[in-house]
Amino acid sequence: MILVTTDYISGKELEMLGLVKGSTIQSKNIGRDITQSFKTLVGGELKAYTDMMNEARTLATQRMVEEATALGADAIVGLKYASSAVMQGAAEILAYGTAVKFK
């Protein structure tokens, strides 16, 4: 599956199949939250949260690709990511784009 952020793929004529998306909601781990709180006192990257968000993006992307595969897509164009807080201590990661088939 080809994933691109552009609305085209050079050298390919595309047939649009429709919107595809994948999402996940991640919550903070209380132990991780406490240790990361101490890190904010001295500054620097909150690596545990970076790792958590990378895992969430990977899972959301996999779910989007599964949806596109079910439609018979060859690629996803216009790929974007979004995130939002859904409650205290939990965030949704959304991956979305347009599933396309090569003509």
Protein backbone atom coordinates (compact mmCIF):
# COMPACT_ATOMS: atom_id res chain seq x y z
CA MET A 1 0.00 0.00 0.00
CA ILE A 2 1.38 3.39 -1.02
CA LEU A 3 0.73 6.23 1.45
CA VAL A 4 1.34 9.84 0.38
CA THR A 5 0.44 13.24 1.75
CA THR A 6 -0.04 14.66 -1.75
CA ASP A 7 -3.31 14.42 -3.69
CA TYR A 8 -1.59 12.62 -6.57
CA ILE A 9 1.03 9.97 -7.31
CA SER A 10 3.38 10.88 -10.15
CA GLY A 11 2.83 8.78 -13.26
CA LYS A 12 -0.40 7.21 -11.99
CA GLU A 13 -3.97 7.88 -13.01
CA LEU A 14 -6.18 7.47 -9.95
CA GLU A 15 -9.74 6.33 -9.39
CA MET A 16 -11.07 7.66 -6.08
CA LEU A 17 -12.68 5.03 -3.87
CA GLY A 18 -13.52 7.19 -0.86
CA LEU A 19 -12.50 8.37 2.56
CA VAL A 20 -10.68 5.91 4.81
CA LYS A 21 -9.72 6.43 8.41
CA GLY A 22 -8.28 4.70 11.42
CA SER A 23 -8.19 5.85 15.02
CA THR A 24 -7.22 4.89 18.51
CA ILE A 25 -7.63 6.47 21.92
CA GLN A 26 -4.65 6.31 24.25
CA SER A 27 -4.71 7.06 27.94
CA LYS A 28 -1.87 7.95 30.23
CA ASN A 29 -0.46 5.30 32.54
CA ILE A 30 -0.49 6.58 36.15
CA GLY A 31 3.08 5.36 36.76
CA ARG A 32 4.28 6.89 33.52
CA ASP A 33 2.40 10.10 34.32
CA ILE A 34 4.13 10.47 37.69
CA THR A 35 7.63 9.89 36.28
CA GLN A 36 7.00 12.25 33.36
CA SER A 37 5.75 14.92 35.78
CA PHE A 38 9.18 14.95 37.41
CA LYS A 39 10.78 15.36 33.98
CA THR A 40 8.86 18.61 33.45
CA LEU A 41 10.76 20.10 36.40
CA VAL A 42 14.12 19.78 34.64
CA GLY A 43 12.97 20.03 31.02
CA GLY A 44 13.64 17.84 28.03
CA GLU A 45 11.74 15.35 25.96
CA LEU A 46 9.00 13.31 27.61
CA LYS A 47 10.16 10.10 25.93
CA ALA A 48 7.45 7.87 27.40
CA TYR A 49 4.79 10.12 25.87
CA THR A 50 6.64 10.36 22.57
CA ASP A 51 6.72 6.57 22.41
CA MET A 52 3.03 6.34 23.34
CA MET A 53 2.04 8.78 20.59
CA ASN A 54 4.24 7.01 18.00
CA GLU A 55 2.54 3.71 18.87
CA ALA A 56 -0.88 5.37 18.60
CA ARG A 57 -0.07 6.83 15.14
CA THR A 58 1.18 3.43 13.98
CA LEU A 59 -2.01 1.71 15.15
CA ALA A 60 -4.26 4.38 13.59
CA THR A 61 -2.35 4.07 10.30
CA GLN A 62 -2.68 0.26 10.31
CA ARG A 63 -6.44 0.55 10.84
CA MET A 64 -6.75 3.06 7.99
CA VAL A 65 -4.74 0.77 5.66
CA GLU A 66 -6.98 -2.19 6.58
CA GLU A 67 -10.06 -0.14 5.64
CA ALA A 68 -8.46 0.86 2.31
CA THR A 69 -7.42 -2.74 1.59
CA ALA A 70 -11.02 -3.88 2.14
CA LEU A 71 -12.07 -1.40 -0.58
CA GLY A 72 -9.47 -2.82 -2.98
CA ALA A 73 -7.27 0.28 -2.87
CA ASP A 74 -3.74 0.44 -4.22
CA ALA A 75 -2.84 3.60 -2.31
CA ILE A 76 -4.02 6.32 0.05
CA VAL A 77 -3.52 9.93 -1.01
CA GLY A 78 -3.90 13.10 1.04
CA LEU A 79 -2.86 11.31 4.24
CA LYS A 80 -3.27 13.43 7.35
CA TYR A 81 -3.14 12.94 11.11
CA ALA A 82 -5.17 14.68 13.78
CA SER A 83 -5.33 14.41 17.55
CA SER A 84 -7.73 15.63 20.16
CA ALA A 85 -8.31 15.27 23.87
CA VAL A 86 -11.41 13.19 24.52
CA MET A 87 -11.27 13.35 28.32
CA GLN A 88 -8.80 14.18 31.07
CA GLY A 89 -5.71 12.06 30.42
CA ALA A 90 -6.83 10.50 27.10
CA ALA A 91 -6.24 11.52 23.49
CA GLU A 92 -7.56 10.27 20.17
CA ILE A 93 -5.22 9.90 17.21
CA LEU A 94 -6.91 9.86 13.80
CA ALA A 95 -5.28 8.95 10.47
CA TYR A 96 -7.31 9.69 7.35
CA GLY A 97 -7.00 10.04 3.60
CA THR A 98 -8.55 9.07 0.28
CA ALA A 99 -8.34 5.47 -0.90
CA VAL A 100 -7.50 5.20 -4.59
CA LYS A 101 -7.11 2.50 -7.20
CA PHE A 102 -4.69 2.77 -10.12
CA LYS A 103 -6.41 2.91 -13.53
